[in-house]
Amino acid sequence: MTEKIYTKNAPDAIGPYSQAAVTGGMVYTSGQIAIDPATGELDGNDIRSQTHRVMKNLAAVLEAAGSSLDECVKTTCFIADIADFSAFNEVYAEYITSKPARSCVAVKSLPKNALVEVEVIASVKK
């Protein structure tokens, strides 16, 4: 059985999907962009501030699912400008310290003109 995850500490989905789903002891998050859950607006206009917000949003979703950033086994990262790769990595490394598998690609655009989006797969804490 799949459990759908929702927390008010992360932004509401902006489409027909859940913030995350838990099945088989694993959490699969939807991609998070830098929306501040309190305001519903993008938080920051540079890659560093947006990455901080994205990681805080992911941490909130994972916590609601019984997991944490430390439990990540795979991340998929999307950035709007490959020139931001180094700055993104610096902030990402503050939050994701367990060195999970990762893909990071530059994309043409992201929802709400965000600069970064990250999704994770993590194990549920026992």
PDB file of N, CA and C in Angstrom:
ATOM      1  N   MET A   1       0.834  -1.168   0.000  1.00  0.00           N
ATOM      2  CA  MET A   1       0.000   0.000   0.000  1.00  0.00           C
ATOM      3  C   MET A   1       0.894   1.252   0.000  1.00  0.00           C
ATOM      4  N   THR A   2       0.483   2.260  -0.713  1.00  0.00           N
ATOM      5  CA  THR A   2       1.225   3.509  -0.816  1.00  0.00           C
ATOM      6  C   THR A   2       0.566   4.577   0.034  1.00  0.00           C
ATOM      7  N   GLU A   3       1.363   5.227   0.865  1.00  0.00           N
ATOM      8  CA  GLU A   3       0.871   6.318   1.709  1.00  0.00           C
ATOM      9  C   GLU A   3       1.269   7.641   1.057  1.00  0.00           C
ATOM     10  N   LYS A   4       0.324   8.511   0.854  1.00  0.00           N
ATOM     11  CA  LYS A   4       0.576   9.849   0.325  1.00  0.00           C
ATOM     12  C   LYS A   4       0.962  10.757   1.484  1.00  0.00           C
ATOM     13  N   ILE A   5       1.949  11.608   1.280  1.00  0.00           N
ATOM     14  CA  ILE A   5       2.467  12.471   2.336  1.00  0.00           C
ATOM     15  C   ILE A   5       2.058  13.912   2.076  1.00  0.00           C
ATOM     16  N   TYR A   6       1.651  14.587   3.142  1.00  0.00           N
ATOM     17  CA  TYR A   6       1.355  16.017   3.076  1.00  0.00           C
ATOM     18  C   TYR A   6       1.810  16.666   4.375  1.00  0.00           C
ATOM     19  N   THR A   7       2.470  17.804   4.253  1.00  0.00           N
ATOM     20  CA  THR A   7       2.796  18.622   5.412  1.00  0.00           C
ATOM     21  C   THR A   7       2.591  20.090   5.055  1.00  0.00           C
ATOM     22  N   LYS A   8       2.097  20.841   5.997  1.00  0.00           N
ATOM     23  CA  LYS A   8       1.923  22.282   5.795  1.00  0.00           C
ATOM     24  C   LYS A   8       3.261  23.008   5.890  1.00  0.00           C
ATOM     25  N   ASN A   9       4.328  22.297   6.300  1.00  0.00           N
ATOM     26  CA  ASN A   9       5.654  22.888   6.430  1.00  0.00           C
ATOM     27  C   ASN A   9       6.437  22.906   5.121  1.00  0.00           C
ATOM     28  N   ALA A  10       5.790  22.459   4.067  1.00  0.00           N
ATOM     29  CA  ALA A  10       6.351  22.526   2.714  1.00  0.00           C
ATOM     30  C   ALA A  10       5.240  23.053   1.815  1.00  0.00           C
ATOM     31  N   PRO A  11       5.591  23.583   0.653  1.00  0.00           N
ATOM     32  CA  PRO A  11       4.549  24.159  -0.207  1.00  0.00           C
ATOM     33  C   PRO A  11       3.575  23.107  -0.718  1.00  0.00           C
ATOM     34  N   ASP A  12       2.338  23.543  -0.907  1.00  0.00           N
ATOM     35  CA  ASP A  12       1.343  22.670  -1.526  1.00  0.00           C
ATOM     36  C   ASP A  12       1.785  22.318  -2.936  1.00  0.00           C
ATOM     37  N   ALA A  13       1.391  21.157  -3.398  1.00  0.00           N
ATOM     38  CA  ALA A  13       1.665  20.763  -4.782  1.00  0.00           C
ATOM     39  C   ALA A  13       0.998  21.767  -5.717  1.00  0.00           C
ATOM     40  N   ILE A  14       1.666  22.093  -6.804  1.00  0.00           N
ATOM     41  CA  ILE A  14       1.093  23.043  -7.767  1.00  0.00           C
ATOM     42  C   ILE A  14       0.511  22.314  -8.971  1.00  0.00           C
ATOM     43  N   GLY A  15       0.201  21.056  -8.769  1.00  0.00           N
ATOM     44  CA  GLY A  15      -0.400  20.235  -9.810  1.00  0.00           C
ATOM     45  C   GLY A  15      -1.051  19.010  -9.185  1.00  0.00           C
ATOM     46  N   PRO A  16      -1.476  18.076 -10.023  1.00  0.00           N
ATOM     47  CA  PRO A  16      -2.165  16.883  -9.520  1.00  0.00           C
ATOM     48  C   PRO A  16      -1.194  15.798  -9.036  1.00  0.00           C
ATOM     49  N   TYR A  17      -0.507  16.087  -7.929  1.00  0.00           N
ATOM     50  CA  TYR A  17       0.443  15.131  -7.376  1.00  0.00           C
ATOM     51  C   TYR A  17       0.587  15.373  -5.878  1.00  0.00           C
ATOM     52  N   SER A  18       1.248  14.445  -5.200  1.00  0.00           N
ATOM     53  CA  SER A  18       1.497  14.530  -3.760  1.00  0.00           C
ATOM     54  C   SER A  18       2.887  15.088  -3.502  1.00  0.00           C
ATOM     55  N   GLN A  19       3.105  15.605  -2.313  1.00  0.00           N
ATOM     56  CA  GLN A  19       4.445  16.053  -1.939  1.00  0.00           C
ATOM     57  C   GLN A  19       5.409  14.872  -1.925  1.00  0.00           C
ATOM     58  N   ALA A  20       4.895  13.705  -1.545  1.00  0.00           N
ATOM     59  CA  ALA A  20       5.712  12.489  -1.520  1.00  0.00           C
ATOM     60  C   ALA A  20       4.796  11.281  -1.397  1.00  0.00           C
ATOM     61  N   ALA A  21       5.384  10.127  -1.638  1.00  0.00           N
ATOM     62  CA  ALA A  21       4.687   8.855  -1.453  1.00  0.00           C
ATOM     63  C   ALA A  21       5.650   7.894  -0.761  1.00  0.00           C
ATOM     64  N   VAL A  22       5.102   7.084   0.150  1.00  0.00           N
ATOM     65  CA  VAL A  22       5.899   6.090   0.863  1.00  0.00           C
ATOM     66  C   VAL A  22       5.371   4.713   0.492  1.00  0.00           C
ATOM     67  N   THR A  23       6.283   3.854   0.090  1.00  0.00           N
ATOM     68  CA  THR A  23       5.931   2.465  -0.204  1.00  0.00           C
ATOM     69  C   THR A  23       7.189   1.615  -0.074  1.00  0.00           C
ATOM     70  N   GLY A  24       7.029   0.403   0.403  1.00  0.00           N
ATOM     71  CA  GLY A  24       8.162  -0.508   0.516  1.00  0.00           C
ATOM     72  C   GLY A  24       9.318   0.022   1.340  1.00  0.00           C
ATOM     73  N   GLY A  25       9.030   0.836   2.359  1.00  0.00           N
ATOM     74  CA  GLY A  25      10.079   1.356   3.219  1.00  0.00           C
ATOM     75  C   GLY A  25      10.885   2.493   2.618  1.00  0.00           C
ATOM     76  N   MET A  26      10.400   3.016   1.491  1.00  0.00           N
ATOM     77  CA  MET A  26      11.100   4.106   0.806  1.00  0.00           C
ATOM     78  C   MET A  26      10.173   5.301   0.624  1.00  0.00           C
ATOM     79  N   VAL A  27      10.748   6.493   0.653  1.00  0.00           N
ATOM     80  CA  VAL A  27      10.029   7.741   0.399  1.00  0.00           C
ATOM     81  C   VAL A  27      10.474   8.260  -0.959  1.00  0.00           C
ATOM     82  N   TYR A  28       9.514   8.605  -1.788  1.00  0.00           N
ATOM     83  CA  TYR A  28       9.767   9.197  -3.097  1.00  0.00           C
ATOM     84  C   TYR A  28       9.151  10.588  -3.074  1.00  0.00           C
ATOM     85  N   THR A  29       9.988  11.622  -3.070  1.00  0.00           N
ATOM     86  CA  THR A  29       9.434  12.966  -3.032  1.00  0.00           C
ATOM     87  C   THR A  29       9.174  13.476  -4.439  1.00  0.00           C
ATOM     88  N   SER A  30       8.227  14.357  -4.539  1.00  0.00           N
ATOM     89  CA  SER A  30       8.072  15.126  -5.764  1.00  0.00           C
ATOM     90  C   SER A  30       9.168  16.176  -5.756  1.00  0.00           C
ATOM     91  N   GLY A  31       9.453  16.730  -6.910  1.00  0.00           N
ATOM     92  CA  GLY A  31      10.438  17.796  -6.983  1.00  0.00           C
ATOM     93  C   GLY A  31       9.974  18.991  -6.181  1.00  0.00           C
ATOM     94  N   GLN A  32      10.889  19.576  -5.446  1.00  0.00           N
ATOM     95  CA  GLN A  32      10.601  20.774  -4.661  1.00  0.00           C
ATOM     96  C   GLN A  32      11.322  21.958  -5.297  1.00  0.00           C
ATOM     97  N   ILE A  33      10.589  23.045  -5.459  1.00  0.00           N
ATOM     98  CA  ILE A  33      11.200  24.294  -5.869  1.00  0.00           C
ATOM     99  C   ILE A  33      11.192  25.231  -4.664  1.00  0.00           C
ATOM    100  N   ALA A  34      11.723  26.425  -4.828  1.00  0.00           N
ATOM    101  CA  ALA A  34      11.958  27.317  -3.693  1.00  0.00           C
ATOM    102  C   ALA A  34      10.734  28.128  -3.287  1.00  0.00           C
ATOM    103  N   ILE A  35       9.606  27.485  -3.169  1.00  0.00           N
ATOM    104  CA  ILE A  35       8.407  28.173  -2.703  1.00  0.00           C
ATOM    105  C   ILE A  35       8.387  28.167  -1.180  1.00  0.00           C
ATOM    106  N   ASP A  36       8.222  29.334  -0.599  1.00  0.00           N
ATOM    107  CA  ASP A  36       8.091  29.463   0.845  1.00  0.00           C
ATOM    108  C   ASP A  36       6.676  29.013   1.210  1.00  0.00           C
ATOM    109  N   PRO A  37       6.543  27.980   2.058  1.00  0.00           N
ATOM    110  CA  PRO A  37       5.197  27.493   2.378  1.00  0.00           C
ATOM    111  C   PRO A  37       4.334  28.526   3.096  1.00  0.00           C
ATOM    112  N   ALA A  38       4.950  29.493   3.755  1.00  0.00           N
ATOM    113  CA  ALA A  38       4.187  30.519   4.475  1.00  0.00           C
ATOM    114  C   ALA A  38       3.564  31.542   3.534  1.00  0.00           C
ATOM    115  N   THR A  39       4.254  31.836   2.434  1.00  0.00           N
ATOM    116  CA  THR A  39       3.775  32.878   1.527  1.00  0.00           C
ATOM    117  C   THR A  39       3.260  32.358   0.197  1.00  0.00           C
ATOM    118  N   GLY A  40       3.699  31.160  -0.184  1.00  0.00           N
ATOM    119  CA  GLY A  40       3.336  30.612  -1.487  1.00  0.00           C
ATOM    120  C   GLY A  40       4.107  31.245  -2.637  1.00  0.00           C
ATOM    121  N   GLU A  41       5.123  32.029  -2.307  1.00  0.00           N
ATOM    122  CA  GLU A  41       5.931  32.728  -3.312  1.00  0.00           C
ATOM    123  C   GLU A  41       7.349  32.156  -3.339  1.00  0.00           C
ATOM    124  N   LEU A  42       8.040  32.372  -4.466  1.00  0.00           N
ATOM    125  CA  LEU A  42       9.438  31.974  -4.537  1.00  0.00           C
ATOM    126  C   LEU A  42      10.230  32.690  -3.455  1.00  0.00           C
ATOM    127  N   ASP A  43      11.128  31.969  -2.816  1.00  0.00           N
ATOM    128  CA  ASP A  43      11.957  32.493  -1.732  1.00  0.00           C
ATOM    129  C   ASP A  43      13.353  32.763  -2.287  1.00  0.00           C
ATOM    130  N   GLY A  44      13.631  34.002  -2.611  1.00  0.00           N
ATOM    131  CA  GLY A  44      14.946  34.374  -3.115  1.00  0.00           C
ATOM    132  C   GLY A  44      14.975  34.459  -4.629  1.00  0.00           C
ATOM    133  N   ASN A  45      15.979  35.164  -5.122  1.00  0.00           N
ATOM    134  CA  ASN A  45      16.110  35.314  -6.569  1.00  0.00           C
ATOM    135  C   ASN A  45      17.491  34.924  -7.058  1.00  0.00           C
ATOM    136  N   ASP A  46      18.234  34.174  -6.223  1.00  0.00           N
ATOM    137  CA  ASP A  46      19.541  33.669  -6.635  1.00  0.00           C
ATOM    138  C   ASP A  46      19.615  32.183  -6.287  1.00  0.00           C
ATOM    139  N   ILE A  47      20.558  31.493  -6.890  1.00  0.00           N
ATOM    140  CA  ILE A  47      20.643  30.039  -6.747  1.00  0.00           C
ATOM    141  C   ILE A  47      20.896  29.618  -5.301  1.00  0.00           C
ATOM    142  N   ARG A  48      21.687  30.363  -4.580  1.00  0.00           N
ATOM    143  CA  ARG A  48      21.991  29.978  -3.197  1.00  0.00           C
ATOM    144  C   ARG A  48      20.754  30.051  -2.302  1.00  0.00           C
ATOM    145  N   SER A  49      20.066  31.168  -2.312  1.00  0.00           N
ATOM    146  CA  SER A  49      18.885  31.296  -1.446  1.00  0.00           C
ATOM    147  C   SER A  49      17.801  30.323  -1.865  1.00  0.00           C
ATOM    148  N   GLN A  50      17.626  30.130  -3.164  1.00  0.00           N
ATOM    149  CA  GLN A  50      16.607  29.176  -3.607  1.00  0.00           C
ATOM    150  C   GLN A  50      16.985  27.742  -3.225  1.00  0.00           C
ATOM    151  N   THR A  51      18.249  27.396  -3.303  1.00  0.00           N
ATOM    152  CA  THR A  51      18.668  26.041  -2.917  1.00  0.00           C
ATOM    153  C   THR A  51      18.445  25.817  -1.426  1.00  0.00           C
ATOM    154  N   HIS A  52      18.739  26.810  -0.599  1.00  0.00           N
ATOM    155  CA  HIS A  52      18.458  26.677   0.839  1.00  0.00           C
ATOM    156  C   HIS A  52      16.970  26.380   1.054  1.00  0.00           C
ATOM    157  N   ARG A  53      16.076  27.108   0.397  1.00  0.00           N
ATOM    158  CA  ARG A  53      14.638  26.897   0.569  1.00  0.00           C
ATOM    159  C   ARG A  53      14.244  25.510   0.075  1.00  0.00           C
ATOM    160  N   VAL A  54      14.753  25.100  -1.071  1.00  0.00           N
ATOM    161  CA  VAL A  54      14.430  23.768  -1.603  1.00  0.00           C
ATOM    162  C   VAL A  54      14.812  22.690  -0.592  1.00  0.00           C
ATOM    163  N   MET A  55      15.997  22.798  -0.020  1.00  0.00           N
ATOM    164  CA  MET A  55      16.453  21.767   0.914  1.00  0.00           C
ATOM    165  C   MET A  55      15.623  21.779   2.196  1.00  0.00           C
ATOM    166  N   LYS A  56      15.222  22.963   2.658  1.00  0.00           N
ATOM    167  CA  LYS A  56      14.337  23.037   3.825  1.00  0.00           C
ATOM    168  C   LYS A  56      12.984  22.410   3.520  1.00  0.00           C
ATOM    169  N   ASN A  57      12.471  22.648   2.321  1.00  0.00           N
ATOM    170  CA  ASN A  57      11.199  22.038   1.922  1.00  0.00           C
ATOM    171  C   ASN A  57      11.319  20.523   1.877  1.00  0.00           C
ATOM    172  N   LEU A  58      12.406  20.032   1.286  1.00  0.00           N
ATOM    173  CA  LEU A  58      12.602  18.577   1.230  1.00  0.00           C
ATOM    174  C   LEU A  58      12.718  17.985   2.622  1.00  0.00           C
ATOM    175  N   ALA A  59      13.440  18.644   3.510  1.00  0.00           N
ATOM    176  CA  ALA A  59      13.583  18.150   4.882  1.00  0.00           C
ATOM    177  C   ALA A  59      12.221  18.045   5.562  1.00  0.00           C
ATOM    178  N   ALA A  60      11.353  19.023   5.340  1.00  0.00           N
ATOM    179  CA  ALA A  60      10.012  18.997   5.947  1.00  0.00           C
ATOM    180  C   ALA A  60       9.179  17.844   5.396  1.00  0.00           C
ATOM    181  N   VAL A  61       9.236  17.618   4.096  1.00  0.00           N
ATOM    182  CA  VAL A  61       8.478  16.516   3.485  1.00  0.00           C
ATOM    183  C   VAL A  61       9.006  15.180   4.000  1.00  0.00           C
ATOM    184  N   LEU A  62      10.322  15.037   4.030  1.00  0.00           N
ATOM    185  CA  LEU A  62      10.903  13.780   4.513  1.00  0.00           C
ATOM    186  C   LEU A  62      10.561  13.532   5.980  1.00  0.00           C
ATOM    187  N   GLU A  63      10.591  14.567   6.800  1.00  0.00           N
ATOM    188  CA  GLU A  63      10.228  14.417   8.210  1.00  0.00           C
ATOM    189  C   GLU A  63       8.784  13.935   8.344  1.00  0.00           C
ATOM    190  N   ALA A  64       7.888  14.502   7.541  1.00  0.00           N
ATOM    191  CA  ALA A  64       6.481  14.082   7.583  1.00  0.00           C
ATOM    192  C   ALA A  64       6.318  12.624   7.160  1.00  0.00           C
ATOM    193  N   ALA A  65       7.268  12.136   6.376  1.00  0.00           N
ATOM    194  CA  ALA A  65       7.211  10.752   5.897  1.00  0.00           C
ATOM    195  C   ALA A  65       7.977   9.788   6.802  1.00  0.00           C
ATOM    196  N   GLY A  66       8.568  10.292   7.893  1.00  0.00           N
ATOM    197  CA  GLY A  66       9.326   9.427   8.795  1.00  0.00           C
ATOM    198  C   GLY A  66      10.744   9.195   8.327  1.00  0.00           C
ATOM    199  N   SER A  67      11.313  10.162   7.633  1.00  0.00           N
ATOM    200  CA  SER A  67      12.666  10.033   7.106  1.00  0.00           C
ATOM    201  C   SER A  67      13.413  11.340   7.336  1.00  0.00           C
ATOM    202  N   SER A  68      14.554  11.489   6.688  1.00  0.00           N
ATOM    203  CA  SER A  68      15.337  12.722   6.800  1.00  0.00           C
ATOM    204  C   SER A  68      16.303  12.814   5.626  1.00  0.00           C
ATOM    205  N   LEU A  69      16.937  13.950   5.500  1.00  0.00           N
ATOM    206  CA  LEU A  69      17.932  14.118   4.440  1.00  0.00           C
ATOM    207  C   LEU A  69      19.087  13.132   4.597  1.00  0.00           C
ATOM    208  N   ASP A  70      19.373  12.703   5.818  1.00  0.00           N
ATOM    209  CA  ASP A  70      20.442  11.729   6.062  1.00  0.00           C
ATOM    210  C   ASP A  70      20.122  10.353   5.480  1.00  0.00           C
ATOM    211  N   GLU A  71      18.860  10.094   5.209  1.00  0.00           N
ATOM    212  CA  GLU A  71      18.432   8.793   4.713  1.00  0.00           C
ATOM    213  C   GLU A  71      18.351   8.738   3.181  1.00  0.00           C
ATOM    214  N   CYS A  72      18.736   9.827   2.507  1.00  0.00           N
ATOM    215  CA  CYS A  72      18.643   9.872   1.037  1.00  0.00           C
ATOM    216  C   CYS A  72      19.550   8.829   0.395  1.00  0.00           C
ATOM    217  N   VAL A  73      19.006   8.144  -0.603  1.00  0.00           N
ATOM    218  CA  VAL A  73      19.806   7.199  -1.374  1.00  0.00           C
ATOM    219  C   VAL A  73      20.002   7.674  -2.815  1.00  0.00           C
ATOM    220  N   LYS A  74      19.142   8.602  -3.273  1.00  0.00           N
ATOM    221  CA  LYS A  74      19.248   9.120  -4.642  1.00  0.00           C
ATOM    222  C   LYS A  74      18.611  10.492  -4.694  1.00  0.00           C
ATOM    223  N   THR A  75      19.282  11.437  -5.327  1.00  0.00           N
ATOM    224  CA  THR A  75      18.701  12.751  -5.571  1.00  0.00           C
ATOM    225  C   THR A  75      18.762  13.034  -7.059  1.00  0.00           C
ATOM    226  N   THR A  76      17.791  13.765  -7.529  1.00  0.00           N
ATOM    227  CA  THR A  76      17.779  14.252  -8.901  1.00  0.00           C
ATOM    228  C   THR A  76      17.617  15.762  -8.813  1.00  0.00           C
ATOM    229  N   CYS A  77      18.556  16.471  -9.419  1.00  0.00           N
ATOM    230  CA  CYS A  77      18.623  17.928  -9.295  1.00  0.00           C
ATOM    231  C   CYS A  77      18.510  18.560 -10.672  1.00  0.00           C
ATOM    232  N   PHE A  78      17.726  19.607 -10.742  1.00  0.00           N
ATOM    233  CA  PHE A  78      17.529  20.349 -11.982  1.00  0.00           C
ATOM    234  C   PHE A  78      17.894  21.796 -11.712  1.00  0.00           C
ATOM    235  N   ILE A  79      18.771  22.363 -12.520  1.00  0.00           N
ATOM    236  CA  ILE A  79      19.115  23.769 -12.370  1.00  0.00           C
ATOM    237  C   ILE A  79      18.876  24.469 -13.705  1.00  0.00           C
ATOM    238  N   ALA A  80      18.463  25.720 -13.616  1.00  0.00           N
ATOM    239  CA  ALA A  80      18.101  26.461 -14.817  1.00  0.00           C
ATOM    240  C   ALA A  80      19.321  26.983 -15.571  1.00  0.00           C
ATOM    241  N   ASP A  81      20.468  27.043 -14.921  1.00  0.00           N
ATOM    242  CA  ASP A  81      21.671  27.564 -15.562  1.00  0.00           C
ATOM    243  C   ASP A  81      22.874  26.771 -15.065  1.00  0.00           C
ATOM    244  N   ILE A  82      23.538  26.066 -15.965  1.00  0.00           N
ATOM    245  CA  ILE A  82      24.677  25.236 -15.569  1.00  0.00           C
ATOM    246  C   ILE A  82      25.803  26.077 -14.957  1.00  0.00           C
ATOM    247  N   ALA A  83      25.821  27.364 -15.225  1.00  0.00           N
ATOM    248  CA  ALA A  83      26.813  28.246 -14.609  1.00  0.00           C
ATOM    249  C   ALA A  83      26.626  28.319 -13.092  1.00  0.00           C
ATOM    250  N   ASP A  84      25.444  27.943 -12.590  1.00  0.00           N
ATOM    251  CA  ASP A  84      25.157  27.934 -11.151  1.00  0.00           C
ATOM    252  C   ASP A  84      25.547  26.626 -10.469  1.00  0.00           C
ATOM    253  N   PHE A  85      26.139  25.700 -11.213  1.00  0.00           N
ATOM    254  CA  PHE A  85      26.435  24.361 -10.695  1.00  0.00           C
ATOM    255  C   PHE A  85      27.281  24.408  -9.417  1.00  0.00           C
ATOM    256  N   SER A  86      28.353  25.167  -9.410  1.00  0.00           N
ATOM    257  CA  SER A  86      29.235  25.224  -8.231  1.00  0.00           C
ATOM    258  C   SER A  86      28.531  25.821  -7.016  1.00  0.00           C
ATOM    259  N   ALA A  87      27.828  26.923  -7.218  1.00  0.00           N
ATOM    260  CA  ALA A  87      27.102  27.549  -6.109  1.00  0.00           C
ATOM    261  C   ALA A  87      26.019  26.608  -5.576  1.00  0.00           C
ATOM    262  N   PHE A  88      25.311  25.937  -6.480  1.00  0.00           N
ATOM    263  CA  PHE A  88      24.306  24.953  -6.065  1.00  0.00           C
ATOM    264  C   PHE A  88      24.963  23.870  -5.215  1.00  0.00           C
ATOM    265  N   ASN A  89      26.079  23.323  -5.682  1.00  0.00           N
ATOM    266  CA  ASN A  89      26.760  22.243  -4.960  1.00  0.00           C
ATOM    267  C   ASN A  89      27.177  22.660  -3.560  1.00  0.00           C
ATOM    268  N   GLU A  90      27.635  23.888  -3.403  1.00  0.00           N
ATOM    269  CA  GLU A  90      28.059  24.353  -2.082  1.00  0.00           C
ATOM    270  C   GLU A  90      26.914  24.310  -1.088  1.00  0.00           C
ATOM    271  N   VAL A  91      25.749  24.789  -1.485  1.00  0.00           N
ATOM    272  CA  VAL A  91      24.597  24.791  -0.580  1.00  0.00           C
ATOM    273  C   VAL A  91      24.067  23.363  -0.397  1.00  0.00           C
ATOM    274  N   TYR A  92      23.928  22.616  -1.484  1.00  0.00           N
ATOM    275  CA  TYR A  92      23.463  21.220  -1.436  1.00  0.00           C
ATOM    276  C   TYR A  92      24.287  20.425  -0.419  1.00  0.00           C
ATOM    277  N   ALA A  93      25.615  20.605  -0.441  1.00  0.00           N
ATOM    278  CA  ALA A  93      26.509  19.846   0.435  1.00  0.00           C
ATOM    279  C   ALA A  93      26.323  20.190   1.911  1.00  0.00           C
ATOM    280  N   GLU A  94      25.739  21.336   2.222  1.00  0.00           N
ATOM    281  CA  GLU A  94      25.437  21.676   3.615  1.00  0.00           C
ATOM    282  C   GLU A  94      24.309  20.806   4.168  1.00  0.00           C
ATOM    283  N   TYR A  95      23.438  20.338   3.299  1.00  0.00           N
ATOM    284  CA  TYR A  95      22.244  19.586   3.706  1.00  0.00           C
ATOM    285  C   TYR A  95      22.364  18.083   3.440  1.00  0.00           C
ATOM    286  N   ILE A  96      22.950  17.731   2.344  1.00  0.00           N
ATOM    287  CA  ILE A  96      23.075  16.323   1.958  1.00  0.00           C
ATOM    288  C   ILE A  96      24.524  15.914   2.206  1.00  0.00           C
ATOM    289  N   THR A  97      24.761  15.288   3.349  1.00  0.00           N
ATOM    290  CA  THR A  97      26.127  14.942   3.736  1.00  0.00           C
ATOM    291  C   THR A  97      26.441  13.459   3.568  1.00  0.00           C
ATOM    292  N   SER A  98      25.420  12.652   3.286  1.00  0.00           N
ATOM    293  CA  SER A  98      25.615  11.207   3.199  1.00  0.00           C
ATOM    294  C   SER A  98      26.074  10.745   1.819  1.00  0.00           C
ATOM    295  N   LYS A  99      26.235  11.672   0.890  1.00  0.00           N
ATOM    296  CA  LYS A  99      26.705  11.398  -0.469  1.00  0.00           C
ATOM    297  C   LYS A  99      25.920  10.295  -1.175  1.00  0.00           C
ATOM    298  N   PRO A 100      24.603  10.491  -1.345  1.00  0.00           N
ATOM    299  CA  PRO A 100      23.800   9.514  -2.071  1.00  0.00           C
ATOM    300  C   PRO A 100      24.127   9.574  -3.570  1.00  0.00           C
ATOM    301  N   ALA A 101      23.610   8.632  -4.322  1.00  0.00           N
ATOM    302  CA  ALA A 101      23.705   8.718  -5.780  1.00  0.00           C
ATOM    303  C   ALA A 101      22.983   9.987  -6.211  1.00  0.00           C
ATOM    304  N   ARG A 102      23.415  10.598  -7.341  1.00  0.00           N
ATOM    305  CA  ARG A 102      22.806  11.856  -7.739  1.00  0.00           C
ATOM    306  C   ARG A 102      22.922  12.055  -9.236  1.00  0.00           C
ATOM    307  N   SER A 103      21.904  12.679  -9.786  1.00  0.00           N
ATOM    308  CA  SER A 103      21.941  13.215 -11.144  1.00  0.00           C
ATOM    309  C   SER A 103      21.686  14.706 -11.020  1.00  0.00           C
ATOM    310  N   CYS A 104      22.372  15.508 -11.837  1.00  0.00           N
ATOM    311  CA  CYS A 104      22.147  16.948 -11.846  1.00  0.00           C
ATOM    312  C   CYS A 104      22.223  17.411 -13.291  1.00  0.00           C
ATOM    313  N   VAL A 105      21.137  18.016 -13.755  1.00  0.00           N
ATOM    314  CA  VAL A 105      21.086  18.462 -15.142  1.00  0.00           C
ATOM    315  C   VAL A 105      20.601  19.902 -15.217  1.00  0.00           C
ATOM    316  N   ALA A 106      21.052  20.592 -16.254  1.00  0.00           N
ATOM    317  CA  ALA A 106      20.541  21.929 -16.543  1.00  0.00           C
ATOM    318  C   ALA A 106      19.327  21.761 -17.445  1.00  0.00           C
ATOM    319  N   VAL A 107      18.307  22.541 -17.178  1.00  0.00           N
ATOM    320  CA  VAL A 107      17.066  22.471 -17.945  1.00  0.00           C
ATOM    321  C   VAL A 107      16.723  23.855 -18.484  1.00  0.00           C
ATOM    322  N   LYS A 108      15.882  23.876 -19.481  1.00  0.00           N
ATOM    323  CA  LYS A 108      15.508  25.152 -20.108  1.00  0.00           C
ATOM    324  C   LYS A 108      14.759  26.057 -19.145  1.00  0.00           C
ATOM    325  N   SER A 109      13.802  25.502 -18.408  1.00  0.00           N
ATOM    326  CA  SER A 109      13.047  26.294 -17.442  1.00  0.00           C
ATOM    327  C   SER A 109      12.409  25.364 -16.418  1.00  0.00           C
ATOM    328  N   LEU A 110      12.013  25.972 -15.290  1.00  0.00           N
ATOM    329  CA  LEU A 110      11.366  25.245 -14.202  1.00  0.00           C
ATOM    330  C   LEU A 110      10.067  25.952 -13.853  1.00  0.00           C
ATOM    331  N   PRO A 111       9.142  25.258 -13.180  1.00  0.00           N
ATOM    332  CA  PRO A 111       7.881  25.898 -12.787  1.00  0.00           C
ATOM    333  C   PRO A 111       8.124  27.188 -11.999  1.00  0.00           C
ATOM    334  N   LYS A 112       7.279  28.171 -12.213  1.00  0.00           N
ATOM    335  CA  LYS A 112       7.323  29.459 -11.501  1.00  0.00           C
ATOM    336  C   LYS A 112       8.639  30.205 -11.724  1.00  0.00           C
ATOM    337  N   ASN A 113       9.349  29.851 -12.799  1.00  0.00           N
ATOM    338  CA  ASN A 113      10.659  30.444 -13.109  1.00  0.00           C
ATOM    339  C   ASN A 113      11.684  30.235 -12.000  1.00  0.00           C
ATOM    340  N   ALA A 114      11.553  29.135 -11.283  1.00  0.00           N
ATOM    341  CA  ALA A 114      12.520  28.785 -10.245  1.00  0.00           C
ATOM    342  C   ALA A 114      13.881  28.511 -10.887  1.00  0.00           C
ATOM    343  N   LEU A 115      14.921  28.622 -10.089  1.00  0.00           N
ATOM    344  CA  LEU A 115      16.278  28.376 -10.561  1.00  0.00           C
ATOM    345  C   LEU A 115      16.751  26.962 -10.281  1.00  0.00           C
ATOM    346  N   VAL A 116      16.060  26.264  -9.356  1.00  0.00           N
ATOM    347  CA  VAL A 116      16.487  24.930  -8.948  1.00  0.00           C
ATOM    348  C   VAL A 116      15.279  24.103  -8.511  1.00  0.00           C
ATOM    349  N   GLU A 117      15.351  22.813  -8.771  1.00  0.00           N
ATOM    350  CA  GLU A 117      14.360  21.851  -8.290  1.00  0.00           C
ATOM    351  C   GLU A 117      15.111  20.580  -7.918  1.00  0.00           C
ATOM    352  N   VAL A 118      14.731  19.971  -6.795  1.00  0.00           N
ATOM    353  CA  VAL A 118      15.368  18.737  -6.341  1.00  0.00           C
ATOM    354  C   VAL A 118      14.295  17.766  -5.886  1.00  0.00           C
ATOM    355  N   GLU A 119      14.483  16.495  -6.258  1.00  0.00           N
ATOM    356  CA  GLU A 119      13.632  15.415  -5.741  1.00  0.00           C
ATOM    357  C   GLU A 119      14.557  14.354  -5.140  1.00  0.00           C
ATOM    358  N   VAL A 120      14.033  13.611  -4.172  1.00  0.00           N
ATOM    359  CA  VAL A 120      14.862  12.608  -3.515  1.00  0.00           C
ATOM    360  C   VAL A 120      14.112  11.290  -3.344  1.00  0.00           C
ATOM    361  N   ILE A 121      14.900  10.249  -3.221  1.00  0.00           N
ATOM    362  CA  ILE A 121      14.424   8.945  -2.780  1.00  0.00           C
ATOM    363  C   ILE A 121      15.196   8.653  -1.504  1.00  0.00           C
ATOM    364  N   ALA A 122      14.474   8.316  -0.449  1.00  0.00           N
ATOM    365  CA  ALA A 122      15.112   8.086   0.858  1.00  0.00           C
ATOM    366  C   ALA A 122      14.478   6.889   1.542  1.00  0.00           C
ATOM    367  N   SER A 123      15.225   6.274   2.412  1.00  0.00           N
ATOM    368  CA  SER A 123      14.647   5.188   3.197  1.00  0.00           C
ATOM    369  C   SER A 123      13.912   5.761   4.402  1.00  0.00           C
ATOM    370  N   VAL A 124      12.893   5.048   4.838  1.00  0.00           N
ATOM    371  CA  VAL A 124      12.139   5.439   6.027  1.00  0.00           C
ATOM    372  C   VAL A 124      12.933   4.964   7.228  1.00  0.00           C
ATOM    373  N   LYS A 125      13.062   5.825   8.244  1.00  0.00           N
ATOM    374  CA  LYS A 125      13.789   5.448   9.458  1.00  0.00           C
ATOM    375  C   LYS A 125      13.052   4.325  10.153  1.00  0.00           C
ATOM    376  N   LYS A 126      13.774   3.432  10.695  1.00  0.00           N
ATOM    377  CA  LYS A 126      13.167   2.304  11.424  1.00  0.00           C
ATOM    378  C   LYS A 126      12.925   2.691  12.853  1.00  0.00           C
TER     379      LYS A 126
END
